[in-house]
């Protein structure tokens, strides 16, 4: 099995001041951006599973997540369709 590459959120500008103290405002803004990005991933994955299996129940999410909107769901459905069959190897 080939190891999968794990991508991490790495800001281009570190949240440190020149004396290596933490720039709190910048750090908080990076943390909020990371949380916002991750919060959209789970509903998208669930929508893709729902599209692949044909079971709309898979797309259901619970708070704090918000379900994908109609435009997002349409795009995810199209991406799943274009990806075709996926075999476990």
N, C-alpha and C. Protein backbone atom coordinates (compact mmCIF):
# COMPACT_ATOMS: atom_id res chain seq x y z
N UNK A 1 0.83 -1.17 0.00
CA UNK A 1 0.00 0.00 0.00
C UNK A 1 0.89 1.24 0.00
N UNK A 2 0.58 2.17 -0.87
CA UNK A 2 1.35 3.40 -0.96
C UNK A 2 0.90 4.37 0.14
N UNK A 3 1.84 4.92 0.91
CA UNK A 3 1.42 5.87 1.94
C UNK A 3 0.82 7.11 1.29
N UNK A 4 -0.21 7.62 1.92
CA UNK A 4 -0.87 8.81 1.39
C UNK A 4 -0.20 10.07 1.93
N UNK A 5 -0.12 11.06 1.07
CA UNK A 5 0.45 12.34 1.46
C UNK A 5 -0.59 13.10 2.28
N UNK A 6 -0.20 13.57 3.44
CA UNK A 6 -1.09 14.34 4.28
C UNK A 6 -0.76 15.81 4.08
N UNK A 7 -1.78 16.57 3.68
CA UNK A 7 -1.57 17.99 3.47
C UNK A 7 -2.02 18.75 4.70
N UNK A 8 -1.20 19.64 5.16
CA UNK A 8 -1.51 20.44 6.32
C UNK A 8 -1.63 21.90 5.93
N UNK A 9 -2.41 22.62 6.67
CA UNK A 9 -2.54 24.06 6.47
C UNK A 9 -1.29 24.72 7.03
N UNK A 10 -0.50 25.31 6.17
CA UNK A 10 0.71 25.99 6.61
C UNK A 10 0.67 27.41 6.08
N UNK A 11 0.46 28.38 6.96
CA UNK A 11 0.38 29.75 6.48
C UNK A 11 1.70 30.20 5.88
N UNK A 12 1.60 31.04 4.85
CA UNK A 12 2.81 31.54 4.19
C UNK A 12 3.58 32.48 5.10
N UNK A 13 2.88 33.18 5.96
CA UNK A 13 3.52 34.09 6.90
C UNK A 13 3.30 33.54 8.29
N UNK A 14 4.35 33.15 8.99
CA UNK A 14 4.16 32.57 10.31
C UNK A 14 3.58 33.60 11.28
N UNK A 15 2.81 33.13 12.26
CA UNK A 15 2.18 34.07 13.19
C UNK A 15 3.12 34.54 14.30
N UNK A 16 4.36 34.81 13.94
CA UNK A 16 5.33 35.25 14.93
C UNK A 16 5.85 36.64 14.58
N UNK A 17 6.17 37.39 15.58
CA UNK A 17 6.79 38.69 15.38
C UNK A 17 8.29 38.45 15.26
N UNK A 18 9.06 39.46 14.83
CA UNK A 18 10.50 39.25 14.65
C UNK A 18 11.23 38.70 15.89
N UNK A 19 10.73 39.00 17.07
CA UNK A 19 11.41 38.49 18.27
C UNK A 19 10.89 37.10 18.67
N UNK A 20 10.14 36.44 17.75
CA UNK A 20 9.58 35.10 17.91
C UNK A 20 8.46 35.01 18.94
N UNK A 21 7.92 36.15 19.35
CA UNK A 21 6.72 36.12 20.19
C UNK A 21 5.55 35.86 19.24
N UNK A 22 4.50 35.27 19.74
CA UNK A 22 3.34 34.96 18.90
C UNK A 22 2.53 36.23 18.64
N UNK A 23 2.22 36.46 17.37
CA UNK A 23 1.32 37.55 16.99
C UNK A 23 -0.09 36.98 17.17
N UNK A 24 -0.70 37.27 18.29
CA UNK A 24 -1.97 36.64 18.66
C UNK A 24 -3.06 36.87 17.62
N UNK A 25 -3.20 38.07 17.13
CA UNK A 25 -4.25 38.37 16.15
C UNK A 25 -4.05 37.54 14.89
N UNK A 26 -2.83 37.43 14.41
CA UNK A 26 -2.54 36.65 13.21
C UNK A 26 -2.77 35.16 13.47
N UNK A 27 -2.35 34.70 14.64
CA UNK A 27 -2.55 33.30 15.01
C UNK A 27 -4.04 32.96 15.04
N UNK A 28 -4.85 33.82 15.64
CA UNK A 28 -6.29 33.59 15.72
C UNK A 28 -6.91 33.59 14.32
N UNK A 29 -6.46 34.49 13.46
CA UNK A 29 -7.01 34.52 12.10
C UNK A 29 -6.66 33.24 11.34
N UNK A 30 -5.45 32.70 11.53
CA UNK A 30 -5.07 31.44 10.89
C UNK A 30 -5.92 30.29 11.43
N UNK A 31 -6.14 30.27 12.74
CA UNK A 31 -6.92 29.21 13.35
C UNK A 31 -8.36 29.24 12.84
N UNK A 32 -8.94 30.43 12.72
CA UNK A 32 -10.31 30.55 12.20
C UNK A 32 -10.38 30.10 10.75
N UNK A 33 -9.39 30.45 9.95
CA UNK A 33 -9.38 30.03 8.54
C UNK A 33 -9.28 28.51 8.44
N UNK A 34 -8.46 27.90 9.26
CA UNK A 34 -8.31 26.45 9.25
C UNK A 34 -9.62 25.77 9.65
N UNK A 35 -10.25 26.26 10.70
CA UNK A 35 -11.51 25.67 11.14
C UNK A 35 -12.60 25.83 10.09
N UNK A 36 -12.63 26.98 9.43
CA UNK A 36 -13.64 27.20 8.38
C UNK A 36 -13.42 26.24 7.22
N UNK A 37 -12.17 26.01 6.85
CA UNK A 37 -11.86 25.11 5.74
C UNK A 37 -12.25 23.67 6.08
N UNK A 38 -11.95 23.24 7.28
CA UNK A 38 -12.25 21.87 7.69
C UNK A 38 -13.75 21.68 7.86
N UNK A 39 -14.44 22.70 8.32
CA UNK A 39 -15.88 22.59 8.55
C UNK A 39 -16.63 22.28 7.26
N UNK A 40 -16.10 22.65 6.10
CA UNK A 40 -16.76 22.40 4.83
C UNK A 40 -16.41 21.03 4.25
N UNK A 41 -15.36 20.41 4.73
CA UNK A 41 -14.90 19.15 4.16
C UNK A 41 -15.84 17.99 4.50
N UNK A 42 -16.26 17.89 5.74
CA UNK A 42 -17.09 16.76 6.16
C UNK A 42 -18.43 16.74 5.43
N UNK A 43 -19.17 17.86 5.35
CA UNK A 43 -20.41 17.81 4.57
C UNK A 43 -20.17 17.47 3.10
N UNK A 44 -19.06 17.92 2.53
CA UNK A 44 -18.75 17.59 1.13
C UNK A 44 -18.48 16.11 0.96
N UNK A 45 -17.75 15.51 1.88
CA UNK A 45 -17.47 14.07 1.80
C UNK A 45 -18.78 13.29 1.93
N UNK A 46 -19.63 13.71 2.88
CA UNK A 46 -20.91 13.03 3.06
C UNK A 46 -21.78 13.16 1.82
N UNK A 47 -21.77 14.33 1.17
CA UNK A 47 -22.54 14.51 -0.06
C UNK A 47 -22.00 13.62 -1.18
N UNK A 48 -20.68 13.45 -1.24
CA UNK A 48 -20.08 12.59 -2.26
C UNK A 48 -20.48 11.12 -2.02
N UNK A 49 -20.48 10.69 -0.77
CA UNK A 49 -20.90 9.32 -0.46
C UNK A 49 -22.37 9.13 -0.82
N UNK A 50 -23.19 10.13 -0.53
CA UNK A 50 -24.61 10.06 -0.87
C UNK A 50 -24.79 9.94 -2.38
N UNK A 51 -24.01 10.72 -3.14
CA UNK A 51 -24.10 10.67 -4.61
C UNK A 51 -23.65 9.30 -5.13
N UNK A 52 -22.59 8.78 -4.55
CA UNK A 52 -22.03 7.51 -5.01
C UNK A 52 -22.95 6.33 -4.71
N UNK A 53 -23.56 6.35 -3.52
CA UNK A 53 -24.39 5.22 -3.11
C UNK A 53 -25.86 5.38 -3.52
N UNK A 54 -26.26 6.62 -3.83
CA UNK A 54 -27.65 6.88 -4.15
C UNK A 54 -28.54 6.98 -2.91
N UNK A 55 -27.92 6.99 -1.74
CA UNK A 55 -28.65 7.08 -0.48
C UNK A 55 -28.51 8.49 0.08
N UNK A 56 -29.57 9.30 -0.05
CA UNK A 56 -29.50 10.70 0.38
C UNK A 56 -29.30 10.84 1.88
N UNK A 57 -29.55 9.79 2.64
CA UNK A 57 -29.33 9.83 4.08
C UNK A 57 -27.89 10.07 4.46
N UNK A 58 -26.98 9.67 3.59
CA UNK A 58 -25.56 9.91 3.87
C UNK A 58 -25.22 11.39 3.89
N UNK A 59 -25.99 12.23 3.22
CA UNK A 59 -25.70 13.66 3.14
C UNK A 59 -26.14 14.41 4.40
N UNK A 60 -26.89 13.75 5.27
CA UNK A 60 -27.37 14.43 6.48
C UNK A 60 -26.20 14.75 7.40
N UNK A 61 -26.18 15.97 7.91
CA UNK A 61 -25.13 16.38 8.85
C UNK A 61 -25.79 16.92 10.11
N UNK A 62 -25.03 16.90 11.19
CA UNK A 62 -25.53 17.41 12.46
C UNK A 62 -24.72 18.64 12.84
N UNK A 63 -25.29 19.50 13.69
CA UNK A 63 -24.54 20.68 14.13
C UNK A 63 -23.22 20.27 14.75
N UNK A 64 -22.16 20.98 14.54
CA UNK A 64 -22.07 22.33 14.02
C UNK A 64 -21.93 22.40 12.50
N UNK A 65 -22.00 21.28 11.81
CA UNK A 65 -21.84 21.28 10.36
C UNK A 65 -23.11 21.77 9.68
N UNK A 66 -22.94 22.29 8.49
CA UNK A 66 -24.06 22.77 7.69
C UNK A 66 -24.04 22.01 6.38
N UNK A 67 -25.18 21.51 5.97
CA UNK A 67 -25.26 20.73 4.73
C UNK A 67 -24.82 21.56 3.53
N UNK A 68 -24.30 20.90 2.53
CA UNK A 68 -23.90 21.57 1.30
C UNK A 68 -25.14 22.15 0.63
N UNK A 69 -24.97 23.31 0.03
CA UNK A 69 -26.07 23.95 -0.68
C UNK A 69 -26.33 23.26 -2.01
N UNK A 70 -27.42 23.64 -2.69
CA UNK A 70 -27.77 22.99 -3.96
C UNK A 70 -26.67 23.09 -5.02
N UNK A 71 -26.03 24.25 -5.14
CA UNK A 71 -24.96 24.41 -6.14
C UNK A 71 -23.76 23.52 -5.79
N UNK A 72 -23.41 23.47 -4.51
CA UNK A 72 -22.29 22.63 -4.08
C UNK A 72 -22.61 21.16 -4.30
N UNK A 73 -23.83 20.77 -3.94
CA UNK A 73 -24.24 19.38 -4.10
C UNK A 73 -24.22 18.97 -5.57
N UNK A 74 -24.67 19.87 -6.43
CA UNK A 74 -24.66 19.60 -7.87
C UNK A 74 -23.22 19.41 -8.37
N UNK A 75 -22.31 20.26 -7.91
CA UNK A 75 -20.90 20.15 -8.31
C UNK A 75 -20.29 18.85 -7.79
N UNK A 76 -20.63 18.48 -6.56
CA UNK A 76 -20.11 17.23 -5.99
C UNK A 76 -20.65 16.03 -6.76
N UNK A 77 -21.95 16.06 -7.07
CA UNK A 77 -22.55 14.97 -7.85
C UNK A 77 -21.84 14.81 -9.19
N UNK A 78 -21.56 15.93 -9.85
CA UNK A 78 -20.87 15.90 -11.15
C UNK A 78 -19.45 15.35 -10.99
N UNK A 79 -18.76 15.76 -9.93
CA UNK A 79 -17.40 15.26 -9.70
C UNK A 79 -17.41 13.75 -9.46
N UNK A 80 -18.39 13.27 -8.70
CA UNK A 80 -18.50 11.83 -8.45
C UNK A 80 -18.79 11.10 -9.74
N UNK A 81 -19.67 11.66 -10.55
CA UNK A 81 -20.00 11.03 -11.84
C UNK A 81 -18.77 10.97 -12.72
N UNK A 82 -18.01 12.06 -12.79
CA UNK A 82 -16.82 12.10 -13.65
C UNK A 82 -15.72 11.17 -13.13
N UNK A 83 -15.67 10.97 -11.82
CA UNK A 83 -14.64 10.10 -11.25
C UNK A 83 -14.85 8.64 -11.62
N UNK A 84 -16.11 8.28 -11.88
CA UNK A 84 -16.40 6.91 -12.27
C UNK A 84 -16.24 5.95 -11.12
N UNK A 85 -16.21 4.65 -11.45
CA UNK A 85 -16.09 3.64 -10.39
C UNK A 85 -14.73 3.73 -9.69
N UNK A 86 -14.76 3.55 -8.40
CA UNK A 86 -13.54 3.59 -7.60
C UNK A 86 -13.37 2.23 -6.93
N UNK A 87 -12.30 1.53 -7.26
CA UNK A 87 -12.06 0.22 -6.67
C UNK A 87 -11.03 0.31 -5.58
N UNK A 88 -11.27 -0.39 -4.48
CA UNK A 88 -10.27 -0.46 -3.41
C UNK A 88 -9.14 -1.34 -3.91
N UNK A 89 -7.95 -0.92 -3.72
CA UNK A 89 -6.78 -1.69 -4.18
C UNK A 89 -5.91 -2.07 -3.03
